[in-house]
Structure formats: structure tokens, C-alpha cells
Amino acid sequence: MSAPILAISRRTRRTPYTDRIEALGVKAYTVYNHMLLPTAFISPEEDYWHLRQHVQLWDVACERQVEINGPDAARLVQLMTPRNLSKVVVGQCAYAPLVDEKGGMINDPIILKLAEDRYWLSIADSDVLLWARGLAVGMGLDVAICEPDVSPLAVQGPKADDLMADVFGEDVRDIRFFRFKWLEFRGHPLLIARSGWSKQGGFEIYLDRSDMGEDLWDTIWEAGAQYEIRPGCPNLIERIEGALLSYGNDFTNDHNPLECGLGQYCDLDSEIDYLGKQALLAARDKGITRQFRGVSFEGEHCPSWRQAWPVLKGGQKVGEVMSVCRSPALDRNIAIAMMDKSAWEGGTEIEVETPEGRRRGMVCDLPFKVPPME
């Protein structure tokens, strides 16, 4: 049976780079924040190996920004997350789970502090803009909230530093991990952060002029020829190996950050005030009964996955596979799974119930131990 076709209409937003990636042969899209996100060019496996060895240019304009500015901006942003943001300085990026009043995950953005009273939340796939506006109105906060014309373009891979230095100058090498600088392109300042949704290193360029999108793409593309540049996208294999979680795939509002293994980003005992504080304290005191773990299992390439697969121990369900792929580096099927406490210890033998039958496997820690490139 062939897969159903996803119909694209004007309601699904194109990006400043869409024409370029279509000319370069993008093979598949998904929809993310109501916008097109490429998911494959040559193949997931070929794209994976290239990402680990060279450099890729990614259209990630779907990483929309929620801008919060005004006298109460810091207060509102802090109310949205259990992470203590008081020590985050201007020029810094901070990964932060956003939670509702019950402690459920709303999103897990990168928060960029542009000024003491101005923030960008670079969001995963959920409608944070509407939630933030509702909080501001309900609490009578003095803030302005909008989605600015900002379309990130990512340069990812081990050759990213050299390529970016060719385009933006040697100063780009001085940007520390999860920090950003403003560097000029055609006389226009662009926010450039050392970040990205891969473990291969690289940068995200926050273009705030859609009319400059194709010029920016072309300039980086031409400079990247000597580095064997290709178009790319967040790679399923690489993100599962690196345990990069995906909102909507791996976790939803039904999960709290402690279950997602994000306890290090939750300052539960601090004096900060945030939504869901009492709920998270209660969850911690009660004890977490499920949490993410890796699962490795045998057999040929696993079939496509669209729904969570049961994980079994002794015939009883003890977890669910949330994301799965075949790792060419490990020559195994690997998965991110939400596991019950009774079966989350590394080395626990389990079975995965796939659409093609049960496969024997084992629980392991995240991230997966992938051998380095030679």
C-alpha cells in the first residue's frame, strides 16, 4: 500500500529558501509550525554520512521565533519555564522546557536573550505564540508578543567553522557554544548562534529579512563548494543516535520534563516562580515511574513507524518506542523509548512489537555510543 500524499496549500507556509531547496531536489517535506520542513534529499542514510563528514545547509525557517519584549518580558519568560533564567546574559542561548500549570510539556525552545527586556523563543512544533499571549493578557503583563520575520538557516557539520569563516570572517570562530554574535552580511547585521539540531557542530543564522534569503543561501552555497556542501535537513538517524528529542514525536503535553530526562533544566528548589511549580515538585517527591531510554533491537531494517510501538518484557508492556531508525554506524535498529521504571535499567532484555512482528532487543543508555568517523 502506498503512503498517502500530504496536500500542500497556501495555508502551509513556504520559506525564503524553499525555491532553492526545490531546485536542489528535496525529496520529502513535513509540516512544522505550519511551515514546510525538508526531511530528505538523497536518502536518510546518504544524508547522514555526508553530515558526519562534510557540511550541509539546512532550511530550518520553521523554527519560528516568539518575540517577547517590554518591561515584564523577563517575568513572563520565567513564568513559562522551570529553568532559572536569572543568570542568563545578553548574547546567550538557553535550552528550556516550557510547562503548563500541570507540569506538562508545552514546548522545548532555545531562548535567546537579546536585551534585558527582549527575548526570542526559538520554538519546536507547537503554538507557543498563542499561549504566551494568553498568559500575558490573563496576568495583565506589560509586554508585546509577536512572531517576527526571522527565518533561521543552519550550517551543520564538521566543516561548518571553515565555511562560516569564509562568509562572515574569522570572528565567527570565537562564538562559543550556545552563544551568539551579530555579524554583517551585505551591510545588514545578522544574529549568528553556535547551535543547531545535530551533534556534528555548526551554526544557525537568524535571518530577519526574508527578501535577503536567496542571496544568503547562494552566498553560502557558492563558498561551500570547496567543502563538498550539500543541502540537508535535521536527520532522523543522527538525532536518534544523539538523543535529540522531538516534541510531538518523542514527547507531548502528556509528559513532564522529569520524565523526559530534562531534570537538569528544572530548578525545582529555587525561589523562582513558574507555572506548574507545585505539580513538578509533587512529581519529583512521588518519584518518576517512566523515563526515556535507548532501545537497540535485532533484525533487518525496521519498517516505517507512525505510531508508538509497544516494548515488552516477559510478555507484559513496559514501554513504548517513540522514534526509531536503522543506524548504519551501529548496524542495528535503534530507538528512543519511554520505559517504565521496572525495565529501564541498561542491559534489560526486551522485545519490540513492530508491525512485522516482535524483535528481541536490549535497553541502553542515551545517547547511543556511536564510533567516531575515521
Protein backbone atom coordinates (compact mmCIF):
# COMPACT_ATOMS: atom_id res chain seq x y z
CA MET A 1 0.00 0.00 0.00
CA SER A 2 1.43 3.38 -0.99
CA ALA A 3 1.69 6.15 1.59
CA PRO A 4 -0.97 8.88 1.44
CA ILE A 5 0.06 12.18 -0.13
CA LEU A 6 0.27 15.28 2.05
CA ALA A 7 -1.57 18.05 0.21
CA ILE A 8 0.24 21.40 0.36
CA SER A 9 -1.77 24.62 0.09
CA ARG A 10 -1.30 28.31 0.84
CA ARG A 11 -2.07 27.55 4.49
CA THR A 12 1.24 25.69 4.64
CA ARG A 13 3.84 28.42 4.60
CA ARG A 14 6.84 28.36 2.28
CA THR A 15 10.16 29.77 3.44
CA PRO A 16 12.63 32.28 1.98
CA TYR A 17 14.72 29.25 0.92
CA THR A 18 12.02 26.94 -0.49
CA ASP A 19 12.73 27.75 -4.14
CA ARG A 20 16.40 26.93 -3.64
CA ILE A 21 15.88 23.56 -1.94
CA GLU A 22 13.30 22.53 -4.52
CA ALA A 23 15.76 23.37 -7.30
CA LEU A 24 18.28 21.16 -5.47
CA GLY A 25 15.92 18.18 -5.41
CA VAL A 26 14.32 17.96 -1.98
CA LYS A 27 12.51 14.59 -1.87
CA ALA A 28 10.18 14.97 1.11
CA TYR A 29 8.64 17.55 3.41
CA THR A 30 6.89 17.55 6.73
CA VAL A 31 4.91 20.42 8.25
CA TYR A 32 6.37 22.11 11.32
CA ASN A 33 4.90 25.23 12.89
CA HIS A 34 2.55 25.48 9.89
CA MET A 35 5.59 25.72 7.58
CA LEU A 36 7.44 23.38 5.23
CA LEU A 37 10.42 21.49 6.65
CA PRO A 38 12.55 19.30 4.34
CA THR A 39 13.09 15.74 5.58
CA ALA A 40 15.18 14.06 2.85
CA PHE A 41 17.35 14.87 -0.13
CA ILE A 42 19.30 11.82 -1.41
CA SER A 43 18.24 9.38 1.33
CA PRO A 44 18.29 9.48 5.14
CA GLU A 45 21.35 7.17 5.15
CA GLU A 46 23.33 9.06 2.50
CA ASP A 47 22.41 12.42 4.05
CA TYR A 48 23.54 11.06 7.43
CA TRP A 49 27.01 10.00 6.27
CA HIS A 50 27.54 13.29 4.45
CA LEU A 51 26.50 15.31 7.51
CA ARG A 52 29.06 13.49 9.66
CA GLN A 53 31.90 14.11 7.19
CA HIS A 54 31.34 17.43 5.45
CA VAL A 55 28.92 20.37 5.75
CA GLN A 56 25.26 20.92 4.95
CA LEU A 57 22.99 23.92 4.50
CA TRP A 58 19.61 23.46 6.18
CA ASP A 59 16.37 25.35 5.64
CA VAL A 60 15.06 25.46 9.21
CA ALA A 61 12.93 28.58 8.83
CA CYS A 62 10.17 26.56 10.51
CA GLU A 63 11.99 27.17 13.81
CA ARG A 64 9.79 30.20 14.32
CA GLN A 65 10.59 32.87 16.86
CA VAL A 66 8.22 34.13 19.52
CA GLU A 67 9.46 37.58 20.45
CA ILE A 68 8.61 38.86 23.93
CA ASN A 69 9.67 42.39 24.80
CA GLY A 70 8.72 45.07 27.27
CA PRO A 71 9.02 45.85 30.99
CA ASP A 72 7.54 42.48 32.05
CA ALA A 73 9.32 40.35 29.41
CA ALA A 74 11.72 38.66 31.83
CA ARG A 75 8.89 37.89 34.24
CA LEU A 76 6.72 36.30 31.56
CA VAL A 77 9.51 34.18 30.09
CA GLN A 78 10.42 32.92 33.57
CA LEU A 79 6.79 32.04 34.30
CA MET A 80 6.86 29.73 31.27
CA THR A 81 9.82 27.57 32.31
CA PRO A 82 11.16 25.81 35.43
CA ARG A 83 14.70 26.68 34.35
CA ASN A 84 16.16 29.58 36.36
CA LEU A 85 16.94 32.25 33.77
CA SER A 86 18.27 34.85 36.21
CA LYS A 87 21.90 34.15 35.27
CA VAL A 88 21.35 34.07 31.51
CA VAL A 89 23.15 37.06 29.99
CA VAL A 90 22.56 39.06 26.83
CA GLY A 91 24.16 37.12 23.97
CA GLN A 92 23.41 33.72 25.49
CA CYS A 93 21.12 30.89 24.34
CA ALA A 94 19.38 28.68 26.90
CA TYR A 95 17.57 25.42 26.26
CA ALA A 96 14.42 25.47 28.40
CA PRO A 97 11.37 23.22 28.80
CA LEU A 98 8.10 25.16 28.84
CA VAL A 99 5.40 23.71 31.09
CA ASP A 100 1.75 24.35 31.81
CA GLU A 101 0.06 24.56 35.21
CA LYS A 102 0.05 20.73 35.48
CA GLY A 103 3.74 20.43 34.65
CA GLY A 104 3.04 19.09 31.16
CA MET A 105 5.44 20.00 28.38
CA ILE A 106 4.27 22.77 26.07
CA ASN A 107 7.48 23.10 24.06
CA ASP A 108 11.26 22.97 24.46
CA PRO A 109 12.69 26.05 22.75
CA ILE A 110 16.06 27.70 22.71
CA ILE A 111 15.64 31.04 24.49
CA LEU A 112 17.85 33.81 23.10
CA LYS A 113 18.34 36.85 25.33
CA LEU A 114 18.67 39.85 23.02
CA ALA A 115 18.37 42.50 25.75
CA GLU A 116 17.30 42.69 29.37
CA ASP A 117 13.74 43.26 28.19
CA ARG A 118 13.74 41.39 24.88
CA TYR A 119 13.77 37.64 24.15
CA TRP A 120 13.33 35.30 21.22
CA LEU A 121 11.96 31.82 21.87
CA SER A 122 13.11 29.60 19.00
CA ILE A 123 10.35 27.05 19.25
CA ALA A 124 9.65 23.42 18.46
CA ASP A 125 6.36 22.44 16.83
CA SER A 126 3.53 23.89 18.93
CA ASP A 127 1.62 27.17 19.12
CA VAL A 128 3.63 28.94 21.82
CA LEU A 129 2.72 32.36 20.41
CA LEU A 130 -0.96 31.97 21.32
CA TRP A 131 -0.15 30.50 24.75
CA ALA A 132 2.23 33.35 25.58
CA ARG A 133 -0.31 35.95 24.53
CA GLY A 134 -2.97 34.31 26.67
CA LEU A 135 -0.68 34.31 29.71
CA ALA A 136 0.21 37.96 29.19
CA VAL A 137 -3.41 39.07 28.87
CA GLY A 138 -4.62 36.92 31.76
CA MET A 139 -1.91 38.22 34.10
CA GLY A 140 -2.04 41.82 32.92
CA LEU A 141 1.65 41.92 31.96
CA ASP A 142 3.22 44.85 30.14
CA VAL A 143 4.73 43.06 27.14
CA ALA A 144 4.49 42.96 23.37
CA ILE A 145 4.43 39.49 21.79
CA CYS A 146 4.80 38.73 18.09
CA GLU A 147 6.25 36.35 15.53
CA PRO A 148 8.96 38.43 13.82
CA ASP A 149 10.16 37.97 10.25
CA VAL A 150 13.01 35.67 11.28
CA SER A 151 13.88 32.57 9.26
CA PRO A 152 16.83 30.53 10.57
CA LEU A 153 19.28 28.94 8.16
CA ALA A 154 21.58 26.29 9.63
CA VAL A 155 25.13 25.38 8.61
CA GLN A 156 25.90 21.99 10.15
CA GLY A 157 28.76 19.51 10.01
CA PRO A 158 32.48 19.26 10.86
CA LYS A 159 33.45 21.74 8.12
CA ALA A 160 30.97 24.39 9.28
CA ASP A 161 33.55 26.59 11.02
CA ASP A 162 35.74 26.93 7.93
CA LEU A 163 32.79 27.68 5.67
CA MET A 164 31.26 30.24 8.02
CA ALA A 165 34.64 31.97 8.46
CA ASP A 166 34.90 32.31 4.68
CA VAL A 167 31.50 34.01 4.54
CA PHE A 168 31.37 36.04 7.77
CA GLY A 169 35.02 36.42 8.74
CA GLU A 170 37.23 34.89 11.40
CA ASP A 171 35.17 36.40 14.25
CA VAL A 172 32.62 33.64 13.75
CA ARG A 173 35.09 31.12 15.16
CA ASP A 174 35.04 32.94 18.50
CA ILE A 175 31.33 32.29 19.08
CA ARG A 176 31.08 29.85 21.97
CA PHE A 177 28.54 27.04 22.16
CA PHE A 178 25.05 28.41 22.84
CA ARG A 179 26.24 31.99 22.45
CA PHE A 180 25.53 34.40 19.61
CA LYS A 181 27.02 37.45 17.91
CA TRP A 182 25.76 39.99 15.43
CA LEU A 183 27.81 39.81 12.22
CA GLU A 184 27.21 41.70 8.99
CA PHE A 185 26.01 40.37 5.66
CA ARG A 186 25.70 42.89 2.84
CA GLY A 187 25.87 45.62 5.48
CA HIS A 188 22.97 44.15 7.45
CA PRO A 189 23.55 42.70 10.95
CA LEU A 190 22.54 39.05 11.40
CA LEU A 191 22.30 37.12 14.65
CA ILE A 192 24.53 34.05 14.37
CA ALA A 193 24.48 31.40 17.11
CA ARG A 194 26.67 28.35 17.61
CA SER A 195 23.80 25.90 17.83
CA GLY A 196 21.74 23.54 15.70
CA TRP A 197 19.72 20.33 15.78
CA SER A 198 22.65 17.98 15.27
CA LYS A 199 25.64 16.75 17.25
CA GLN A 200 28.06 17.48 14.40
CA GLY A 201 28.68 21.13 15.25
CA GLY A 202 27.65 24.25 13.39
CA PHE A 203 25.71 27.48 13.42
CA GLU A 204 22.24 28.91 13.00
CA ILE A 205 21.83 32.20 11.14
CA TYR A 206 18.72 34.10 12.21
CA LEU A 207 17.84 35.99 9.03
CA ASP A 208 15.41 38.81 9.79
CA ARG A 209 14.99 39.95 6.18
CA SER A 210 13.06 37.44 4.07
CA ASP A 211 13.96 39.39 0.94
CA MET A 212 17.63 38.51 1.55
CA GLY A 213 17.01 34.77 1.86
CA GLU A 214 18.06 33.65 -1.60
CA ASP A 215 21.13 35.93 -1.60
CA LEU A 216 22.23 34.50 1.76
CA TRP A 217 21.65 30.93 0.57
CA ASP A 218 23.53 31.49 -2.70
CA THR A 219 26.50 33.13 -0.99
CA ILE A 220 26.96 30.27 1.48
CA TRP A 221 26.31 27.67 -1.21
CA GLU A 222 28.96 29.07 -3.55
CA ALA A 223 31.50 29.40 -0.73
CA GLY A 224 30.77 25.83 0.33
CA ALA A 225 31.69 24.19 -2.96
CA GLN A 226 35.26 23.55 -1.78
CA TYR A 227 33.89 21.85 1.35
CA GLU A 228 31.59 19.46 -0.57
CA ILE A 229 28.48 21.25 0.65
CA ARG A 230 25.06 19.70 0.12
CA PRO A 231 21.53 20.70 1.06
CA GLY A 232 20.39 18.91 4.18
CA CYS A 233 17.87 18.82 6.97
CA PRO A 234 17.55 17.56 10.54
CA ASN A 235 18.48 13.91 10.10
CA LEU A 236 16.36 11.25 11.82
CA ILE A 237 19.26 8.82 12.22
CA GLU A 238 21.69 11.37 13.63
CA ARG A 239 19.16 12.84 16.05
CA ILE A 240 18.17 9.42 17.45
CA GLU A 241 21.81 8.42 17.88
CA GLY A 242 22.44 11.71 19.68
CA ALA A 243 19.19 11.54 21.73
CA LEU A 244 17.91 14.85 20.39
CA LEU A 245 14.26 14.79 21.44
CA SER A 246 11.44 15.84 19.12
CA TYR A 247 8.31 17.48 20.51
CA GLY A 248 5.25 15.71 19.12
CA ASN A 249 7.21 12.57 18.25
CA ASP A 250 9.02 11.63 21.45
CA PHE A 251 7.01 13.61 23.98
CA THR A 252 3.86 15.72 24.22
CA ASN A 253 1.88 17.68 26.76
CA ASP A 254 1.17 14.34 28.47
CA HIS A 255 4.80 14.19 29.65
CA ASN A 256 6.61 16.32 32.21
CA PRO A 257 10.27 17.37 31.88
CA LEU A 258 11.42 14.96 34.60
CA GLU A 259 10.06 12.03 32.59
CA CYS A 260 11.82 13.42 29.52
CA GLY A 261 15.18 13.37 31.28
CA LEU A 262 15.30 17.17 31.44
CA GLY A 263 15.68 17.46 35.20
CA GLN A 264 18.94 19.38 34.80
CA TYR A 265 16.91 22.20 33.24
CA CYS A 266 14.43 22.34 36.13
CA ASP A 267 15.48 24.39 39.16
CA LEU A 268 12.84 22.92 41.43
CA ASP A 269 14.29 24.15 44.73
CA SER A 270 14.99 27.73 43.66
CA GLU A 271 12.85 30.73 44.59
CA ILE A 272 11.75 31.39 41.01
CA ASP A 273 8.05 31.36 40.24
CA TYR A 274 6.74 29.48 37.22
CA LEU A 275 3.63 27.68 36.06
CA GLY A 276 3.47 24.08 37.16
CA LYS A 277 5.89 24.50 40.07
CA GLN A 278 3.76 22.65 42.58
CA ALA A 279 2.95 19.94 40.05
CA LEU A 280 6.63 19.30 39.29
CA LEU A 281 7.56 19.30 42.97
CA ALA A 282 4.83 16.75 43.61
CA ALA A 283 6.01 14.61 40.69
CA ARG A 284 9.56 14.65 41.99
CA ASP A 285 8.53 13.78 45.53
CA LYS A 286 6.29 10.97 44.34
CA GLY A 287 9.03 9.58 42.14
CA ILE A 288 9.23 9.24 38.38
CA THR A 289 7.84 5.93 37.11
CA ARG A 290 8.74 6.30 33.42
CA GLN A 291 11.62 7.93 31.54
CA PHE A 292 13.40 7.93 28.20
CA ARG A 293 15.93 5.24 27.46
CA GLY A 294 17.57 3.87 24.36
CA VAL A 295 16.49 0.56 22.86
CA SER A 296 18.57 -1.48 20.42
CA PHE A 297 16.97 -4.43 18.64
CA GLU A 298 17.81 -7.06 16.06
CA GLY A 299 16.60 -7.82 12.58
CA GLU A 300 16.64 -6.20 9.18
CA HIS A 301 15.75 -2.56 8.60
CA CYS A 302 12.73 -1.77 10.73
CA PRO A 303 9.54 -0.71 8.94
CA SER A 304 8.29 2.85 8.85
CA TRP A 305 6.85 4.00 12.13
CA ARG A 306 3.86 6.29 12.52
CA GLN A 307 2.60 5.20 15.92
CA ALA A 308 4.31 4.21 19.15
CA TRP A 309 5.31 0.53 19.26
CA PRO A 310 4.92 -1.47 22.49
CA VAL A 311 8.04 -2.61 24.32
CA LEU A 312 7.52 -5.92 26.12
CA LYS A 313 9.25 -7.75 28.95
CA GLY A 314 8.03 -11.23 29.79
CA GLY A 315 5.04 -10.59 27.54
CA GLN A 316 3.98 -7.51 29.52
CA LYS A 317 4.09 -3.98 28.15
CA VAL A 318 6.84 -1.97 29.86
CA GLY A 319 7.29 0.93 27.48
CA GLU A 320 6.78 2.44 24.05
CA VAL A 321 9.10 3.16 21.14
CA MET A 322 8.65 6.83 20.24
CA SER A 323 11.24 7.27 17.44
CA VAL A 324 13.10 4.53 15.57
CA CYS A 325 15.58 4.09 12.74
CA ARG A 326 18.31 1.84 11.41
CA SER A 327 21.73 3.12 12.50
CA PRO A 328 24.24 2.48 9.70
CA ALA A 329 27.12 3.22 12.09
CA LEU A 330 25.94 0.61 14.63
CA ASP A 331 24.33 -1.74 12.09
CA ARG A 332 21.35 -2.08 14.43
CA ASN A 333 17.82 -0.82 14.75
CA ILE A 334 17.80 1.82 17.48
CA ALA A 335 15.04 3.75 19.17
CA ILE A 336 14.16 6.35 21.75
CA ALA A 337 11.66 4.69 24.08
CA MET A 338 9.63 5.81 27.09
CA MET A 339 10.31 2.99 29.55
CA ASP A 340 8.68 2.00 32.83
CA LYS A 341 10.94 2.02 35.87
CA SER A 342 10.65 -1.76 36.13
CA ALA A 343 12.52 -2.17 32.85
CA TRP A 344 14.63 0.95 32.30
CA GLU A 345 17.95 -0.40 33.59
CA GLY A 346 20.62 -0.73 30.93
CA GLY A 347 21.04 -4.31 29.74
CA THR A 348 17.41 -5.29 30.36
CA GLU A 349 16.30 -7.75 27.68
CA ILE A 350 13.06 -6.76 25.96
CA GLU A 351 11.01 -7.30 22.82
CA VAL A 352 9.75 -4.60 20.46
CA GLU A 353 6.34 -5.18 18.88
CA THR A 354 6.81 -3.92 15.30
CA PRO A 355 4.19 -4.07 12.52
CA GLU A 356 6.22 -7.01 11.15
CA GLY A 357 6.32 -8.93 14.41
CA ARG A 358 8.35 -8.99 17.60
CA ARG A 359 12.08 -8.24 17.62
CA ARG A 360 14.41 -9.09 20.51
CA GLY A 361 16.45 -6.25 21.92
CA MET A 362 18.02 -4.55 24.90
CA VAL A 363 17.63 -1.34 26.89
CA CYS A 364 20.63 1.01 26.84
CA ASP A 365 21.60 4.49 27.93
CA LEU A 366 21.15 7.62 25.83
CA PRO A 367 22.82 8.92 23.76
CA PHE A 368 23.92 5.88 21.78
CA LYS A 369 27.66 5.18 21.70
CA VAL A 370 28.49 5.76 18.04
CA PRO A 371 32.09 5.25 16.87
CA PRO A 372 33.79 8.41 15.56
CA MET A 373 34.44 8.91 11.87
CA GLU A 374 37.88 7.72 10.80
